[in-house]
Amino acid sequence: MTDARAAPFEPRLALASLSGRSDAEWARAASGFADAAFLGGIALDESTREAARRMVDRDREEFLPEDPLAFVDGQLAALADAPLRAGFNVRASEPEPIRAAAAVCAERGAIVEINAHCRQDEMCAAGAGESLLREPDRLVESVSAAAETGATVSVKVRTELAGVDLPAVAARVDGAGTDILHVDAMDSEEVVADVVDATDAVVVANNGVRDRETVREYLAHGADAVSVGRPSDDPRVLRRVRAAVDEWFGGDDDETVARAQGPTTARPGGRDQ
């Protein structure tokens, strides 16, 4: 089946960010399977950095470099010769820090991903994460700011948020310049189809992607691509998912088959959730 919208990476398999874990080393380790990796998330402004510090105090892992933008640039530079499309998941309470991060991503040919997904209380209280889905005007402002830099813009969202009409929000951010909607489907896979119907953006489905069955379920709902989260350091899972993606989209040339088979052991630098 090949009627999906053109994705900004091929094959249509990405690695989803894991806060405090998803760095350049992690992305490079899985580059034999995926052709896109979202690093981060990273807090950009003082309110979200303070939230991240509080999260670390209760044993969450977070990236907290002294200079967040320099960290984004350095991590993307470390992947300049990697065979994948890099992206960076970013969190901020205002549009301007996101604009600045998007400019860095644009310079590096990377995707900037606005985090409207994190459900941690501290991050939501700071005005970032899923709180943006409850205030779509603010999310639209951030998307517009990012898009003005020329960067490819992704928005990471989640389903099952009470009081939020996700397809309606998707349509609004699409109009503001979103290129990719990265949807954490939680236990509401059918919402992926609703988002697909509501937007012209590329839809990447996430949550529980582990094997042929889960890949085919999301793609049958109309997703243009899938992403792997927690098991993104497990070559057995990545091999199954890559094979399923290639099967769905008809990739059967020698290079595709070789990449789908992948290495037989985990590469150095893998991460554990």
C-alpha atoms as a PDB file:
ATOM      1  CA  MET A   1       0.000   0.000   0.000  1.00  0.00           C
ATOM      2  CA  THR A   2       1.569   3.284  -1.071  1.00  0.00           C
ATOM      3  CA  ASP A   3      -1.178   5.874  -0.966  1.00  0.00           C
ATOM      4  CA  ALA A   4      -0.007   7.594   2.231  1.00  0.00           C
ATOM      5  CA  ARG A   5       1.188  11.190   2.129  1.00  0.00           C
ATOM      6  CA  ALA A   6       4.865  11.713   1.475  1.00  0.00           C
ATOM      7  CA  ALA A   7       6.759  11.449   4.746  1.00  0.00           C
ATOM      8  CA  PRO A   8       9.833  13.624   5.406  1.00  0.00           C
ATOM      9  CA  PHE A   9      11.859  10.476   6.070  1.00  0.00           C
ATOM     10  CA  GLU A  10      12.104   7.035   4.509  1.00  0.00           C
ATOM     11  CA  PRO A  11      11.498   4.330   5.585  1.00  0.00           C
ATOM     12  CA  ARG A  12       8.491   5.513   7.507  1.00  0.00           C
ATOM     13  CA  LEU A  13       9.876   4.529  10.878  1.00  0.00           C
ATOM     14  CA  ALA A  14      11.015   6.997  13.524  1.00  0.00           C
ATOM     15  CA  LEU A  15      12.381   6.837  17.044  1.00  0.00           C
ATOM     16  CA  ALA A  16      10.352   8.810  19.604  1.00  0.00           C
ATOM     17  CA  SER A  17      12.083  10.932  22.223  1.00  0.00           C
ATOM     18  CA  LEU A  18      12.535   9.701  25.783  1.00  0.00           C
ATOM     19  CA  SER A  19      13.270  12.552  28.180  1.00  0.00           C
ATOM     20  CA  GLY A  20      16.823  12.524  29.436  1.00  0.00           C
ATOM     21  CA  ARG A  21      17.756   9.495  27.343  1.00  0.00           C
ATOM     22  CA  SER A  22      17.341  10.249  23.667  1.00  0.00           C
ATOM     23  CA  ASP A  23      20.642  11.738  22.569  1.00  0.00           C
ATOM     24  CA  ALA A  24      22.834  11.532  19.478  1.00  0.00           C
ATOM     25  CA  GLU A  25      24.454   8.291  20.628  1.00  0.00           C
ATOM     26  CA  TRP A  26      21.015   6.693  21.069  1.00  0.00           C
ATOM     27  CA  ALA A  27      19.914   7.822  17.619  1.00  0.00           C
ATOM     28  CA  ARG A  28      23.056   6.603  15.895  1.00  0.00           C
ATOM     29  CA  ALA A  29      22.749   3.202  17.577  1.00  0.00           C
ATOM     30  CA  ALA A  30      19.404   2.589  15.864  1.00  0.00           C
ATOM     31  CA  SER A  31      20.164   4.198  12.523  1.00  0.00           C
ATOM     32  CA  GLY A  32      20.315   0.779  10.862  1.00  0.00           C
ATOM     33  CA  PHE A  33      16.569   0.465  11.373  1.00  0.00           C
ATOM     34  CA  ALA A  34      15.014   3.945  11.486  1.00  0.00           C
ATOM     35  CA  ASP A  35      15.635   6.927   9.251  1.00  0.00           C
ATOM     36  CA  ALA A  36      14.357   9.535  11.698  1.00  0.00           C
ATOM     37  CA  ALA A  37      15.018  10.111  15.390  1.00  0.00           C
ATOM     38  CA  PHE A  38      13.526  12.720  17.697  1.00  0.00           C
ATOM     39  CA  LEU A  39      16.068  13.647  20.361  1.00  0.00           C
ATOM     40  CA  GLY A  40      15.126  15.238  23.662  1.00  0.00           C
ATOM     41  CA  GLY A  41      12.846  16.385  25.061  1.00  0.00           C
ATOM     42  CA  ILE A  42      14.619  19.398  26.356  1.00  0.00           C
ATOM     43  CA  ALA A  43      13.319  22.328  28.374  1.00  0.00           C
ATOM     44  CA  LEU A  44      14.257  25.642  26.773  1.00  0.00           C
ATOM     45  CA  ASP A  45      13.155  28.468  29.063  1.00  0.00           C
ATOM     46  CA  GLU A  46      13.502  29.062  32.779  1.00  0.00           C
ATOM     47  CA  SER A  47       9.979  27.979  33.717  1.00  0.00           C
ATOM     48  CA  THR A  48      10.285  24.629  31.965  1.00  0.00           C
ATOM     49  CA  ARG A  49      13.880  24.159  33.156  1.00  0.00           C
ATOM     50  CA  GLU A  50      12.712  24.673  36.739  1.00  0.00           C
ATOM     51  CA  ALA A  51       9.970  22.127  36.081  1.00  0.00           C
ATOM     52  CA  ALA A  52      12.596  19.717  34.750  1.00  0.00           C
ATOM     53  CA  ARG A  53      14.733  20.219  37.857  1.00  0.00           C
ATOM     54  CA  ARG A  54      11.754  19.367  40.055  1.00  0.00           C
ATOM     55  CA  MET A  55      11.115  16.272  37.967  1.00  0.00           C
ATOM     56  CA  VAL A  56      14.748  15.201  38.429  1.00  0.00           C
ATOM     57  CA  ASP A  57      14.313  15.652  42.181  1.00  0.00           C
ATOM     58  CA  ARG A  58      11.706  12.904  42.090  1.00  0.00           C
ATOM     59  CA  ASP A  59      13.932  10.606  40.040  1.00  0.00           C
ATOM     60  CA  ARG A  60      12.867  11.519  36.513  1.00  0.00           C
ATOM     61  CA  GLU A  61      15.627  11.767  33.906  1.00  0.00           C
ATOM     62  CA  GLU A  62      15.988  15.072  32.080  1.00  0.00           C
ATOM     63  CA  PHE A  63      18.516  16.881  29.929  1.00  0.00           C
ATOM     64  CA  LEU A  64      19.560  19.997  31.864  1.00  0.00           C
ATOM     65  CA  PRO A  65      22.605  21.478  30.100  1.00  0.00           C
ATOM     66  CA  GLU A  66      23.723  24.965  31.023  1.00  0.00           C
ATOM     67  CA  ASP A  67      22.879  26.226  27.526  1.00  0.00           C
ATOM     68  CA  PRO A  68      19.917  24.359  25.977  1.00  0.00           C
ATOM     69  CA  LEU A  69      20.347  25.813  22.490  1.00  0.00           C
ATOM     70  CA  ALA A  70      24.052  24.952  22.406  1.00  0.00           C
ATOM     71  CA  PHE A  71      23.111  21.441  23.508  1.00  0.00           C
ATOM     72  CA  VAL A  72      20.574  21.122  20.685  1.00  0.00           C
ATOM     73  CA  ASP A  73      23.130  22.360  18.162  1.00  0.00           C
ATOM     74  CA  GLY A  74      25.888  20.086  19.471  1.00  0.00           C
ATOM     75  CA  GLN A  75      23.712  17.003  19.444  1.00  0.00           C
ATOM     76  CA  LEU A  76      22.526  17.683  15.907  1.00  0.00           C
ATOM     77  CA  ALA A  77      26.110  18.346  14.805  1.00  0.00           C
ATOM     78  CA  ALA A  78      27.073  14.935  16.207  1.00  0.00           C
ATOM     79  CA  LEU A  79      24.563  13.380  13.791  1.00  0.00           C
ATOM     80  CA  ALA A  80      25.641  15.368  10.740  1.00  0.00           C
ATOM     81  CA  ASP A  81      27.080  12.263   9.080  1.00  0.00           C
ATOM     82  CA  ALA A  82      24.493   9.804  10.413  1.00  0.00           C
ATOM     83  CA  PRO A  83      22.174   8.080   7.919  1.00  0.00           C
ATOM     84  CA  LEU A  84      18.969   9.468   9.432  1.00  0.00           C
ATOM     85  CA  ARG A  85      16.835  12.603   9.674  1.00  0.00           C
ATOM     86  CA  ALA A  86      17.287  14.126  13.107  1.00  0.00           C
ATOM     87  CA  GLY A  87      14.663  16.013  15.062  1.00  0.00           C
ATOM     88  CA  PHE A  88      14.582  17.620  18.503  1.00  0.00           C
ATOM     89  CA  ASN A  89      11.620  17.551  20.872  1.00  0.00           C
ATOM     90  CA  VAL A  90      11.471  20.864  22.752  1.00  0.00           C
ATOM     91  CA  ARG A  91       9.407  22.275  25.601  1.00  0.00           C
ATOM     92  CA  ALA A  92       8.758  25.919  26.382  1.00  0.00           C
ATOM     93  CA  SER A  93       6.021  28.064  27.841  1.00  0.00           C
ATOM     94  CA  GLU A  94       6.367  30.829  25.225  1.00  0.00           C
ATOM     95  CA  PRO A  95       6.907  30.919  21.456  1.00  0.00           C
ATOM     96  CA  GLU A  96      10.246  32.742  21.367  1.00  0.00           C
ATOM     97  CA  PRO A  97      12.429  29.961  22.838  1.00  0.00           C
ATOM     98  CA  ILE A  98      10.786  27.560  20.389  1.00  0.00           C
ATOM     99  CA  ARG A  99      11.552  29.958  17.536  1.00  0.00           C
ATOM    100  CA  ALA A 100      15.196  30.007  18.613  1.00  0.00           C
ATOM    101  CA  ALA A 101      15.410  26.213  18.779  1.00  0.00           C
ATOM    102  CA  ALA A 102      13.652  25.933  15.424  1.00  0.00           C
ATOM    103  CA  ALA A 103      16.258  28.226  13.867  1.00  0.00           C
ATOM    104  CA  VAL A 104      19.004  25.896  15.103  1.00  0.00           C
ATOM    105  CA  CYS A 105      17.144  22.911  13.683  1.00  0.00           C
ATOM    106  CA  ALA A 106      16.606  24.672  10.362  1.00  0.00           C
ATOM    107  CA  GLU A 107      20.320  25.400  10.091  1.00  0.00           C
ATOM    108  CA  ARG A 108      21.081  21.719  10.677  1.00  0.00           C
ATOM    109  CA  GLY A 109      18.361  20.431   8.361  1.00  0.00           C
ATOM    110  CA  ALA A 110      16.605  18.899  11.369  1.00  0.00           C
ATOM    111  CA  ILE A 111      12.977  18.714  12.460  1.00  0.00           C
ATOM    112  CA  VAL A 112      11.872  20.776  15.443  1.00  0.00           C
ATOM    113  CA  GLU A 113       9.190  19.000  17.462  1.00  0.00           C
ATOM    114  CA  ILE A 114       7.009  21.046  19.796  1.00  0.00           C
ATOM    115  CA  ASN A 115       6.093  19.040  22.861  1.00  0.00           C
ATOM    116  CA  ALA A 116       2.347  19.250  23.499  1.00  0.00           C
ATOM    117  CA  HIS A 117       2.541  15.778  24.943  1.00  0.00           C
ATOM    118  CA  CYS A 118       4.284  15.689  28.352  1.00  0.00           C
ATOM    119  CA  ARG A 119       1.746  15.079  31.111  1.00  0.00           C
ATOM    120  CA  GLN A 120       4.049  15.604  34.102  1.00  0.00           C
ATOM    121  CA  ASP A 121       2.391  17.975  36.572  1.00  0.00           C
ATOM    122  CA  GLU A 122       5.429  20.223  36.826  1.00  0.00           C
ATOM    123  CA  MET A 123       5.698  20.727  33.077  1.00  0.00           C
ATOM    124  CA  CYS A 124       1.980  21.347  32.655  1.00  0.00           C
ATOM    125  CA  ALA A 125       2.007  23.891  35.490  1.00  0.00           C
ATOM    126  CA  ALA A 126       4.833  25.673  33.670  1.00  0.00           C
ATOM    127  CA  GLY A 127       2.574  26.045  30.639  1.00  0.00           C
ATOM    128  CA  ALA A 128       4.193  23.405  28.453  1.00  0.00           C
ATOM    129  CA  GLY A 129       3.424  19.810  27.508  1.00  0.00           C
ATOM    130  CA  GLU A 130      -0.179  18.732  27.225  1.00  0.00           C
ATOM    131  CA  SER A 131      -1.386  22.014  28.740  1.00  0.00           C
ATOM    132  CA  LEU A 132      -0.897  23.426  25.229  1.00  0.00           C
ATOM    133  CA  LEU A 133      -3.626  21.115  23.934  1.00  0.00           C
ATOM    134  CA  ARG A 134      -6.035  22.770  26.370  1.00  0.00           C
ATOM    135  CA  GLU A 135      -4.946  26.213  25.123  1.00  0.00           C
ATOM    136  CA  PRO A 136      -4.629  25.751  21.364  1.00  0.00           C
ATOM    137  CA  ASP A 137      -4.176  29.473  20.738  1.00  0.00           C
ATOM    138  CA  ARG A 138      -0.829  29.247  22.536  1.00  0.00           C
ATOM    139  CA  LEU A 139       0.130  26.121  20.634  1.00  0.00           C
ATOM    140  CA  VAL A 140      -0.700  27.790  17.331  1.00  0.00           C
ATOM    141  CA  GLU A 141       1.552  30.727  18.274  1.00  0.00           C
ATOM    142  CA  SER A 142       4.451  28.369  18.940  1.00  0.00           C
ATOM    143  CA  VAL A 143       3.900  26.481  15.699  1.00  0.00           C
ATOM    144  CA  SER A 144       3.793  29.727  13.733  1.00  0.00           C
ATOM    145  CA  ALA A 145       6.999  30.939  15.384  1.00  0.00           C
ATOM    146  CA  ALA A 146       8.775  27.681  14.527  1.00  0.00           C
ATOM    147  CA  ALA A 147       7.478  27.592  10.962  1.00  0.00           C
ATOM    148  CA  GLU A 148       8.707  31.126  10.288  1.00  0.00           C
ATOM    149  CA  THR A 149      12.314  29.878  10.598  1.00  0.00           C
ATOM    150  CA  GLY A 150      11.901  27.491   7.680  1.00  0.00           C
ATOM    151  CA  ALA A 151      12.333  24.417   9.872  1.00  0.00           C
ATOM    152  CA  THR A 152      10.263  21.297   9.350  1.00  0.00           C
ATOM    153  CA  VAL A 153       7.805  21.434  12.259  1.00  0.00           C
ATOM    154  CA  SER A 154       6.419  18.468  14.155  1.00  0.00           C
ATOM    155  CA  VAL A 155       3.951  18.632  17.045  1.00  0.00           C
ATOM    156  CA  LYS A 156       3.870  15.738  19.513  1.00  0.00           C
ATOM    157  CA  VAL A 157       0.358  15.255  20.940  1.00  0.00           C
ATOM    158  CA  ARG A 158      -1.546  12.679  22.928  1.00  0.00           C
ATOM    159  CA  THR A 159      -5.048  11.285  22.798  1.00  0.00           C
ATOM    160  CA  GLU A 160      -7.424  10.638  25.709  1.00  0.00           C
ATOM    161  CA  LEU A 161      -7.124  14.129  27.169  1.00  0.00           C
ATOM    162  CA  ALA A 162     -10.497  15.032  28.672  1.00  0.00           C
ATOM    163  CA  GLY A 163     -12.102  18.076  27.140  1.00  0.00           C
ATOM    164  CA  VAL A 164      -9.717  18.248  24.182  1.00  0.00           C
ATOM    165  CA  ASP A 165     -10.973  17.743  20.629  1.00  0.00           C
ATOM    166  CA  LEU A 166      -7.685  16.491  19.202  1.00  0.00           C
ATOM    167  CA  PRO A 167      -8.754  16.441  15.525  1.00  0.00           C
ATOM    168  CA  ALA A 168      -9.874  20.068  15.867  1.00  0.00           C
ATOM    169  CA  VAL A 169      -6.562  21.030  17.460  1.00  0.00           C
ATOM    170  CA  ALA A 170      -4.737  19.120  14.719  1.00  0.00           C
ATOM    171  CA  ALA A 171      -6.553  21.097  12.046  1.00  0.00           C
ATOM    172  CA  ARG A 172      -5.611  24.376  13.703  1.00  0.00           C
ATOM    173  CA  VAL A 173      -1.910  23.601  14.059  1.00  0.00           C
ATOM    174  CA  ASP A 174      -1.850  22.255  10.511  1.00  0.00           C
ATOM    175  CA  GLY A 175      -3.049  25.642   9.334  1.00  0.00           C
ATOM    176  CA  ALA A 176      -0.327  27.339  11.385  1.00  0.00           C
ATOM    177  CA  GLY A 177       2.480  25.482   9.599  1.00  0.00           C
ATOM    178  CA  THR A 178       2.776  22.019  11.115  1.00  0.00           C
ATOM    179  CA  ASP A 179       4.364  19.478   8.787  1.00  0.00           C
ATOM    180  CA  ILE A 180       4.123  16.429  11.085  1.00  0.00           C
ATOM    181  CA  LEU A 181       1.651  15.413  13.778  1.00  0.00           C
ATOM    182  CA  HIS A 182       3.269  12.855  16.058  1.00  0.00           C
ATOM    183  CA  VAL A 183       0.332  11.197  17.811  1.00  0.00           C
ATOM    184  CA  ASP A 184       0.697   9.192  21.013  1.00  0.00           C
ATOM    185  CA  ALA A 185      -2.469   7.134  20.652  1.00  0.00           C
ATOM    186  CA  MET A 186      -2.480   5.837  24.229  1.00  0.00           C
ATOM    187  CA  ASP A 187      -5.300   3.265  24.081  1.00  0.00           C
ATOM    188  CA  SER A 188      -7.301   5.154  21.447  1.00  0.00           C
ATOM    189  CA  GLU A 189      -5.839   3.959  18.165  1.00  0.00           C
ATOM    190  CA  GLU A 190      -8.963   4.936  16.248  1.00  0.00           C
ATOM    191  CA  VAL A 191      -8.288   8.604  17.043  1.00  0.00           C
ATOM    192  CA  VAL A 192      -5.351   8.360  14.631  1.00  0.00           C
ATOM    193  CA  ALA A 193      -7.887   8.020  11.807  1.00  0.00           C
ATOM    194  CA  ASP A 194      -9.759  11.092  13.050  1.00  0.00           C
ATOM    195  CA  VAL A 195      -6.532  13.129  13.075  1.00  0.00           C
ATOM    196  CA  VAL A 196      -5.642  11.893   9.585  1.00  0.00           C
ATOM    197  CA  ASP A 197      -9.046  13.026   8.331  1.00  0.00           C
ATOM    198  CA  ALA A 198      -8.662  16.439   9.982  1.00  0.00           C
ATOM    199  CA  THR A 199      -5.251  17.404   8.634  1.00  0.00           C
ATOM    200  CA  ASP A 200      -3.000  17.423   5.595  1.00  0.00           C
ATOM    201  CA  ALA A 201       0.078  17.036   7.797  1.00  0.00           C
ATOM    202  CA  VAL A 202       2.011  13.779   7.889  1.00  0.00           C
ATOM    203  CA  VAL A 203       0.730  11.676  10.800  1.00  0.00           C
ATOM    204  CA  VAL A 204       3.213   9.558  12.754  1.00  0.00           C
ATOM    205  CA  ALA A 205       1.538   7.092  15.129  1.00  0.00           C
ATOM    206  CA  ASN A 206       3.168   6.233  18.439  1.00  0.00           C
ATOM    207  CA  ASN A 207       2.483   4.056  21.485  1.00  0.00           C
ATOM    208  CA  GLY A 208       2.915   0.334  21.755  1.00  0.00           C
ATOM    209  CA  VAL A 209       4.571  -0.069  18.343  1.00  0.00           C
ATOM    210  CA  ARG A 210       6.323  -3.402  18.770  1.00  0.00           C
ATOM    211  CA  ASP A 211       5.572  -5.778  15.897  1.00  0.00           C
ATOM    212  CA  ARG A 212       3.767  -6.441  12.619  1.00  0.00           C
ATOM    213  CA  GLU A 213       0.329  -6.387  14.238  1.00  0.00           C
ATOM    214  CA  THR A 214       0.738  -3.005  15.919  1.00  0.00           C
ATOM    215  CA  VAL A 215       2.361  -1.462  12.845  1.00  0.00           C
ATOM    216  CA  ARG A 216      -0.443  -2.636  10.571  1.00  0.00           C
ATOM    217  CA  GLU A 217      -3.129  -1.434  12.988  1.00  0.00           C
ATOM    218  CA  TYR A 218      -1.818   2.129  12.953  1.00  0.00           C
ATOM    219  CA  LEU A 219      -1.163   2.196   9.217  1.00  0.00           C
ATOM    220  CA  ALA A 220      -4.624   0.777   8.544  1.00  0.00           C
ATOM    221  CA  HIS A 221      -6.021   3.749  10.488  1.00  0.00           C
ATOM    222  CA  GLY A 222      -4.301   5.992   7.943  1.00  0.00           C
ATOM    223  CA  ALA A 223      -1.053   6.875   9.700  1.00  0.00           C
ATOM    224  CA  ASP A 224       1.747   7.802   7.292  1.00  0.00           C
ATOM    225  CA  ALA A 225       4.489   6.434   9.553  1.00  0.00           C
ATOM    226  CA  VAL A 226       5.056   4.922  12.996  1.00  0.00           C
ATOM    227  CA  SER A 227       7.504   5.582  15.808  1.00  0.00           C
ATOM    228  CA  VAL A 228       9.037   3.402  18.499  1.00  0.00           C
ATOM    229  CA  GLY A 229       9.458   4.755  22.028  1.00  0.00           C
ATOM    230  CA  ARG A 230      10.634   2.744  25.009  1.00  0.00           C
ATOM    231  CA  PRO A 231      12.035  -0.262  23.122  1.00  0.00           C
ATOM    232  CA  SER A 232      13.972   1.970  20.720  1.00  0.00           C
ATOM    233  CA  ASP A 233      17.228   0.465  22.008  1.00  0.00           C
ATOM    234  CA  ASP A 234      16.075  -3.117  21.369  1.00  0.00           C
ATOM    235  CA  PRO A 235      17.203  -4.351  17.927  1.00  0.00           C
ATOM    236  CA  ARG A 236      14.753  -7.265  18.067  1.00  0.00           C
ATOM    237  CA  VAL A 237      11.792  -4.882  18.275  1.00  0.00           C
ATOM    238  CA  LEU A 238      13.251  -2.499  15.714  1.00  0.00           C
ATOM    239  CA  ARG A 239      13.886  -5.335  13.280  1.00  0.00           C
ATOM    240  CA  ARG A 240      10.262  -6.513  13.525  1.00  0.00           C
ATOM    241  CA  VAL A 241       8.876  -3.019  13.142  1.00  0.00           C
ATOM    242  CA  ARG A 242      11.142  -2.151  10.221  1.00  0.00           C
ATOM    243  CA  ALA A 243      10.183  -5.358   8.414  1.00  0.00           C
ATOM    244  CA  ALA A 244       6.486  -4.608   8.943  1.00  0.00           C
ATOM    245  CA  VAL A 245       6.849  -1.036   7.658  1.00  0.00           C
ATOM    246  CA  ASP A 246       8.716  -2.229   4.581  1.00  0.00           C
ATOM    247  CA  GLU A 247       6.105  -4.907   3.973  1.00  0.00           C
ATOM    248  CA  TRP A 248       3.259  -2.382   4.149  1.00  0.00           C
ATOM    249  CA  PHE A 249       4.894   0.152   1.859  1.00  0.00           C
ATOM    250  CA  GLY A 250       6.317  -2.421  -0.511  1.00  0.00           C
ATOM    251  CA  GLY A 251      10.034  -1.986   0.095  1.00  0.00           C
ATOM    252  CA  ASP A 252      11.750  -5.074  -1.288  1.00  0.00           C
ATOM    253  CA  ASP A 253      15.004  -3.956  -2.903  1.00  0.00           C
ATOM    254  CA  ASP A 254      18.286  -5.474  -1.700  1.00  0.00           C
ATOM    255  CA  GLU A 255      19.296  -2.471   0.406  1.00  0.00           C
ATOM    256  CA  THR A 256      15.900  -2.316   2.111  1.00  0.00           C
ATOM    257  CA  VAL A 257      15.979  -6.015   2.925  1.00  0.00           C
ATOM    258  CA  ALA A 258      19.491  -5.766   4.334  1.00  0.00           C
ATOM    259  CA  ARG A 259      18.546  -2.812   6.530  1.00  0.00           C
ATOM    260  CA  ALA A 260      15.400  -4.566   7.723  1.00  0.00           C
ATOM    261  CA  GLN A 261      17.467  -7.538   8.820  1.00  0.00           C
ATOM    262  CA  GLY A 262      19.712  -5.162  10.730  1.00  0.00           C
ATOM    263  CA  PRO A 263      22.530  -6.074  13.103  1.00  0.00           C
ATOM    264  CA  THR A 264      22.155  -9.243  15.135  1.00  0.00           C
ATOM    265  CA  THR A 265      23.228  -7.665  18.403  1.00  0.00           C
ATOM    266  CA  ALA A 266      22.580  -4.367  20.111  1.00  0.00           C
ATOM    267  CA  ARG A 267      24.972  -1.598  19.203  1.00  0.00           C
ATOM    268  CA  PRO A 268      26.999   0.313  21.794  1.00  0.00           C
ATOM    269  CA  GLY A 269      25.245   3.208  23.395  1.00  0.00           C
ATOM    270  CA  GLY A 270      21.792   1.644  23.727  1.00  0.00           C
ATOM    271  CA  ARG A 271      19.426   3.012  26.327  1.00  0.00           C
ATOM    272  CA  ASP A 272      16.990   1.411  28.740  1.00  0.00           C
ATOM    273  CA  GLN A 273      13.736   3.045  29.904  1.00  0.00           C
END
